[in-house]
Amino acid sequence: FRSGGGLTGAKLPDAQAGYETANTLN
């Protein structure tokens, strides 16, 4: 099975990027 990743819609490696990435990785 393939899915997931450190996905985010954030424009910068900022708090939004951190939250969204953590959600998809977990």
PDB file of all heavy atoms in Angstrom:
ATOM      1  N   PHE A   1       0.842  -1.199   0.000  1.00  0.00           N
ATOM      2  CA  PHE A   1       0.000   0.000   0.000  1.00  0.00           C
ATOM      3  C   PHE A   1       0.875   1.245   0.000  1.00  0.00           C
ATOM      4  O   PHE A   1       1.800   1.360   0.795  1.00  0.00           O
ATOM      5  CB  PHE A   1      -0.911  -0.041   1.230  1.00  0.00           C
ATOM      6  CG  PHE A   1      -1.774   1.176   1.427  1.00  0.00           C
ATOM      7  CD1 PHE A   1      -2.513   1.704   0.380  1.00  0.00           C
ATOM      8  CD2 PHE A   1      -1.861   1.781   2.675  1.00  0.00           C
ATOM      9  CE1 PHE A   1      -3.318   2.827   0.564  1.00  0.00           C
ATOM     10  CE2 PHE A   1      -2.664   2.890   2.876  1.00  0.00           C
ATOM     11  CZ  PHE A   1      -3.398   3.417   1.819  1.00  0.00           C
ATOM     12  N   ARG A   2       0.558   2.188  -0.876  1.00  0.00           N
ATOM     13  CA  ARG A   2       1.242   3.488  -0.917  1.00  0.00           C
ATOM     14  C   ARG A   2       0.264   4.600  -0.591  1.00  0.00           C
ATOM     15  O   ARG A   2      -0.827   4.688  -1.152  1.00  0.00           O
ATOM     16  CB  ARG A   2       1.822   3.748  -2.298  1.00  0.00           C
ATOM     17  CG  ARG A   2       2.354   5.182  -2.479  1.00  0.00           C
ATOM     18  CD  ARG A   2       1.417   6.101  -3.248  1.00  0.00           C
ATOM     19  NE  ARG A   2       1.757   7.510  -3.035  1.00  0.00           N
ATOM     20  CZ  ARG A   2       1.452   8.483  -3.871  1.00  0.00           C
ATOM     21  NH1 ARG A   2       0.815   8.239  -4.986  1.00  0.00           N
ATOM     22  NH2 ARG A   2       1.766   9.740  -3.566  1.00  0.00           N
ATOM     23  N   SER A   3       0.663   5.478   0.321  1.00  0.00           N
ATOM     24  CA  SER A   3      -0.091   6.693   0.583  1.00  0.00           C
ATOM     25  C   SER A   3       0.751   7.588   1.478  1.00  0.00           C
ATOM     26  O   SER A   3       1.909   7.307   1.759  1.00  0.00           O
ATOM     27  CB  SER A   3      -1.441   6.379   1.249  1.00  0.00           C
ATOM     28  OG  SER A   3      -2.283   7.515   1.203  1.00  0.00           O
ATOM     29  N   GLY A   4       0.128   8.667   1.948  1.00  0.00           N
ATOM     30  CA  GLY A   4       0.753   9.506   2.962  1.00  0.00           C
ATOM     31  C   GLY A   4       1.836  10.418   2.435  1.00  0.00           C
ATOM     32  O   GLY A   4       1.948  10.690   1.249  1.00  0.00           O
ATOM     33  N   GLY A   5       2.647  10.895   3.385  1.00  0.00           N
ATOM     34  CA  GLY A   5       3.726  11.819   3.092  1.00  0.00           C
ATOM     35  C   GLY A   5       3.674  13.017   4.015  1.00  0.00           C
ATOM     36  O   GLY A   5       2.766  13.168   4.822  1.00  0.00           O
ATOM     37  N   GLY A   6       4.684  13.888   3.880  1.00  0.00           N
ATOM     38  CA  GLY A   6       4.731  15.115   4.678  1.00  0.00           C
ATOM     39  C   GLY A   6       3.984  16.215   3.967  1.00  0.00           C
ATOM     40  O   GLY A   6       4.567  17.224   3.543  1.00  0.00           O
ATOM     41  N   LEU A   7       2.685  16.069   3.815  1.00  0.00           N
ATOM     42  CA  LEU A   7       1.881  16.926   2.950  1.00  0.00           C
ATOM     43  C   LEU A   7       1.413  18.181   3.676  1.00  0.00           C
ATOM     44  O   LEU A   7       1.007  18.138   4.841  1.00  0.00           O
ATOM     45  CB  LEU A   7       0.670  16.156   2.429  1.00  0.00           C
ATOM     46  CG  LEU A   7       0.960  14.788   1.794  1.00  0.00           C
ATOM     47  CD1 LEU A   7      -0.332  14.157   1.302  1.00  0.00           C
ATOM     48  CD2 LEU A   7       1.974  14.906   0.684  1.00  0.00           C
ATOM     49  N   THR A   8       1.433  19.303   2.962  1.00  0.00           N
ATOM     50  CA  THR A   8       0.960  20.565   3.512  1.00  0.00           C
ATOM     51  C   THR A   8       0.641  21.534   2.384  1.00  0.00           C
ATOM     52  O   THR A   8       1.229  21.459   1.300  1.00  0.00           O
ATOM     53  CB  THR A   8       2.018  21.210   4.439  1.00  0.00           C
ATOM     54  OG1 THR A   8       1.549  22.468   4.909  1.00  0.00           O
ATOM     55  CG2 THR A   8       3.346  21.417   3.710  1.00  0.00           C
ATOM     56  N   GLY A   9      -0.291  22.429   2.650  1.00  0.00           N
ATOM     57  CA  GLY A   9      -0.578  23.516   1.717  1.00  0.00           C
ATOM     58  C   GLY A   9       0.166  24.790   2.058  1.00  0.00           C
ATOM     59  O   GLY A   9       0.002  25.805   1.367  1.00  0.00           O
ATOM     60  N   ALA A  10       0.993  24.758   3.101  1.00  0.00           N
ATOM     61  CA  ALA A  10       1.693  25.950   3.552  1.00  0.00           C
ATOM     62  C   ALA A  10       2.682  26.443   2.505  1.00  0.00           C
ATOM     63  O   ALA A  10       3.281  25.656   1.768  1.00  0.00           O
ATOM     64  CB  ALA A  10       2.427  25.668   4.867  1.00  0.00           C
ATOM     65  N   LYS A  11       2.876  27.767   2.480  1.00  0.00           N
ATOM     66  CA  LYS A  11       3.809  28.380   1.536  1.00  0.00           C
ATOM     67  C   LYS A  11       5.232  28.386   2.068  1.00  0.00           C
ATOM     68  O   LYS A  11       6.186  28.528   1.298  1.00  0.00           O
ATOM     69  CB  LYS A  11       3.384  29.821   1.224  1.00  0.00           C
ATOM     70  CG  LYS A  11       1.893  30.020   0.952  1.00  0.00           C
ATOM     71  CD  LYS A  11       1.364  29.111  -0.144  1.00  0.00           C
ATOM     72  CE  LYS A  11      -0.119  29.359  -0.391  1.00  0.00           C
ATOM     73  NZ  LYS A  11      -0.993  28.854   0.687  1.00  0.00           N
ATOM     74  N   LEU A  12       5.372  28.267   3.378  1.00  0.00           N
ATOM     75  CA  LEU A  12       6.678  28.292   4.042  1.00  0.00           C
ATOM     76  C   LEU A  12       6.772  27.105   4.996  1.00  0.00           C
ATOM     77  O   LEU A  12       5.740  26.568   5.419  1.00  0.00           O
ATOM     78  CB  LEU A  12       6.847  29.588   4.846  1.00  0.00           C
ATOM     79  CG  LEU A  12       6.838  30.909   4.074  1.00  0.00           C
ATOM     80  CD1 LEU A  12       6.754  32.082   5.055  1.00  0.00           C
ATOM     81  CD2 LEU A  12       8.077  31.032   3.209  1.00  0.00           C
ATOM     82  N   PRO A  13       7.983  26.719   5.392  1.00  0.00           N
ATOM     83  CA  PRO A  13       8.110  25.685   6.428  1.00  0.00           C
ATOM     84  C   PRO A  13       7.822  26.280   7.810  1.00  0.00           C
ATOM     85  O   PRO A  13       8.706  26.480   8.639  1.00  0.00           O
ATOM     86  CB  PRO A  13       9.572  25.229   6.281  1.00  0.00           C
ATOM     87  CG  PRO A  13      10.284  26.364   5.657  1.00  0.00           C
ATOM     88  CD  PRO A  13       9.290  27.092   4.808  1.00  0.00           C
ATOM     89  N   ASP A  14       6.525  26.560   8.044  1.00  0.00           N
ATOM     90  CA  ASP A  14       6.097  27.284   9.237  1.00  0.00           C
ATOM     91  C   ASP A  14       5.198  26.403  10.101  1.00  0.00           C
ATOM     92  O   ASP A  14       5.182  25.176   9.944  1.00  0.00           O
ATOM     93  CB  ASP A  14       5.385  28.582   8.837  1.00  0.00           C
ATOM     94  CG  ASP A  14       4.198  28.339   7.893  1.00  0.00           C
ATOM     95  OD1 ASP A  14       3.785  27.167   7.732  1.00  0.00           O
ATOM     96  OD2 ASP A  14       3.683  29.313   7.324  1.00  0.00           O
ATOM     97  N   ALA A  15       4.441  27.029  11.004  1.00  0.00           N
ATOM     98  CA  ALA A  15       3.582  26.258  11.911  1.00  0.00           C
ATOM     99  C   ALA A  15       2.519  25.474  11.150  1.00  0.00           C
ATOM    100  O   ALA A  15       2.245  24.317  11.473  1.00  0.00           O
ATOM    101  CB  ALA A  15       2.931  27.191  12.929  1.00  0.00           C
ATOM    102  N   GLN A  16       1.903  26.101  10.133  1.00  0.00           N
ATOM    103  CA  GLN A  16       0.919  25.367   9.337  1.00  0.00           C
ATOM    104  C   GLN A  16       1.543  24.132   8.709  1.00  0.00           C
ATOM    105  O   GLN A  16       0.969  23.036   8.744  1.00  0.00           O
ATOM    106  CB  GLN A  16       0.344  26.260   8.233  1.00  0.00           C
ATOM    107  CG  GLN A  16      -0.655  25.525   7.318  1.00  0.00           C
ATOM    108  CD  GLN A  16      -1.134  26.379   6.155  1.00  0.00           C
ATOM    109  OE1 GLN A  16      -0.977  27.600   6.153  1.00  0.00           O
ATOM    110  NE2 GLN A  16      -1.704  25.744   5.147  1.00  0.00           N
ATOM    111  N   ALA A  17       2.724  24.290   8.147  1.00  0.00           N
ATOM    112  CA  ALA A  17       3.416  23.155   7.550  1.00  0.00           C
ATOM    113  C   ALA A  17       3.671  22.071   8.582  1.00  0.00           C
ATOM    114  O   ALA A  17       3.510  20.871   8.300  1.00  0.00           O
ATOM    115  CB  ALA A  17       4.735  23.615   6.928  1.00  0.00           C
ATOM    116  N   GLY A  18       4.072  22.466   9.788  1.00  0.00           N
ATOM    117  CA  GLY A  18       4.348  21.485  10.831  1.00  0.00           C
ATOM    118  C   GLY A  18       3.119  20.703  11.242  1.00  0.00           C
ATOM    119  O   GLY A  18       3.162  19.471  11.353  1.00  0.00           O
ATOM    120  N   TYR A  19       2.008  21.419  11.476  1.00  0.00           N
ATOM    121  CA  TYR A  19       0.783  20.739  11.894  1.00  0.00           C
ATOM    122  C   TYR A  19       0.299  19.761  10.811  1.00  0.00           C
ATOM    123  O   TYR A  19      -0.001  18.596  11.082  1.00  0.00           O
ATOM    124  CB  TYR A  19      -0.331  21.761  12.164  1.00  0.00           C
ATOM    125  CG  TYR A  19      -0.174  22.548  13.439  1.00  0.00           C
ATOM    126  CD1 TYR A  19      -0.279  23.944  13.436  1.00  0.00           C
ATOM    127  CD2 TYR A  19       0.050  21.920  14.663  1.00  0.00           C
ATOM    128  CE1 TYR A  19      -0.149  24.678  14.598  1.00  0.00           C
ATOM    129  CE2 TYR A  19       0.179  22.648  15.833  1.00  0.00           C
ATOM    130  CZ  TYR A  19       0.083  24.020  15.795  1.00  0.00           C
ATOM    131  OH  TYR A  19       0.205  24.755  16.950  1.00  0.00           O
ATOM    132  N   GLU A  20       0.188  20.261   9.572  1.00  0.00           N
ATOM    133  CA  GLU A  20      -0.365  19.431   8.507  1.00  0.00           C
ATOM    134  C   GLU A  20       0.545  18.249   8.188  1.00  0.00           C
ATOM    135  O   GLU A  20       0.076  17.136   7.950  1.00  0.00           O
ATOM    136  CB  GLU A  20      -0.605  20.292   7.268  1.00  0.00           C
ATOM    137  CG  GLU A  20      -1.714  21.315   7.469  1.00  0.00           C
ATOM    138  CD  GLU A  20      -1.902  22.257   6.293  1.00  0.00           C
ATOM    139  OE1 GLU A  20      -1.028  22.309   5.413  1.00  0.00           O
ATOM    140  OE2 GLU A  20      -2.953  22.949   6.261  1.00  0.00           O
ATOM    141  N   THR A  21       1.843  18.487   8.198  1.00  0.00           N
ATOM    142  CA  THR A  21       2.793  17.399   7.945  1.00  0.00           C
ATOM    143  C   THR A  21       2.687  16.332   9.020  1.00  0.00           C
ATOM    144  O   THR A  21       2.664  15.130   8.724  1.00  0.00           O
ATOM    145  CB  THR A  21       4.224  17.955   7.873  1.00  0.00           C
ATOM    146  OG1 THR A  21       4.345  18.802   6.728  1.00  0.00           O
ATOM    147  CG2 THR A  21       5.254  16.836   7.778  1.00  0.00           C
ATOM    148  N   ALA A  22       2.633  16.748  10.281  1.00  0.00           N
ATOM    149  CA  ALA A  22       2.534  15.779  11.373  1.00  0.00           C
ATOM    150  C   ALA A  22       1.270  14.940  11.246  1.00  0.00           C
ATOM    151  O   ALA A  22       1.288  13.718  11.461  1.00  0.00           O
ATOM    152  CB  ALA A  22       2.572  16.490  12.716  1.00  0.00           C
ATOM    153  N   ASN A  23       0.156  15.584  10.879  1.00  0.00           N
ATOM    154  CA  ASN A  23      -1.098  14.843  10.725  1.00  0.00           C
ATOM    155  C   ASN A  23      -0.985  13.768   9.653  1.00  0.00           C
ATOM    156  O   ASN A  23      -1.428  12.627   9.833  1.00  0.00           O
ATOM    157  CB  ASN A  23      -2.235  15.803  10.368  1.00  0.00           C
ATOM    158  CG  ASN A  23      -2.683  16.647  11.543  1.00  0.00           C
ATOM    159  OD1 ASN A  23      -2.353  16.353  12.693  1.00  0.00           O
ATOM    160  ND2 ASN A  23      -3.411  17.717  11.267  1.00  0.00           N
ATOM    161  N   THR A  24      -0.384  14.106   8.506  1.00  0.00           N
ATOM    162  CA  THR A  24      -0.323  13.126   7.426  1.00  0.00           C
ATOM    163  C   THR A  24       0.709  12.038   7.708  1.00  0.00           C
ATOM    164  O   THR A  24       0.494  10.868   7.380  1.00  0.00           O
ATOM    165  CB  THR A  24      -0.015  13.813   6.084  1.00  0.00           C
ATOM    166  OG1 THR A  24       1.192  14.578   6.191  1.00  0.00           O
ATOM    167  CG2 THR A  24      -1.142  14.748   5.682  1.00  0.00           C
ATOM    168  N   LEU A  25       1.834  12.405   8.327  1.00  0.00           N
ATOM    169  CA  LEU A  25       2.830  11.387   8.656  1.00  0.00           C
ATOM    170  C   LEU A  25       2.278  10.379   9.655  1.00  0.00           C
ATOM    171  O   LEU A  25       2.471   9.165   9.511  1.00  0.00           O
ATOM    172  CB  LEU A  25       4.098  12.037   9.221  1.00  0.00           C
ATOM    173  CG  LEU A  25       4.961  12.834   8.242  1.00  0.00           C
ATOM    174  CD1 LEU A  25       6.144  13.454   8.983  1.00  0.00           C
ATOM    175  CD2 LEU A  25       5.459  11.975   7.096  1.00  0.00           C
ATOM    176  N   ASN A  26       1.592  10.865  10.684  1.00  0.00           N
ATOM    177  CA  ASN A  26       1.065   9.962  11.702  1.00  0.00           C
ATOM    178  C   ASN A  26      -0.052   9.077  11.151  1.00  0.00           C
ATOM    179  O   ASN A  26      -0.148   7.902  11.507  1.00  0.00           O
ATOM    180  CB  ASN A  26       0.563  10.760  12.909  1.00  0.00           C
ATOM    181  CG  ASN A  26       1.705  11.313  13.733  1.00  0.00           C
ATOM    182  OD1 ASN A  26       2.736  10.678  13.874  1.00  0.00           O
ATOM    183  ND2 ASN A  26       1.536  12.506  14.279  1.00  0.00           N
TER     184      ASN A  26
END
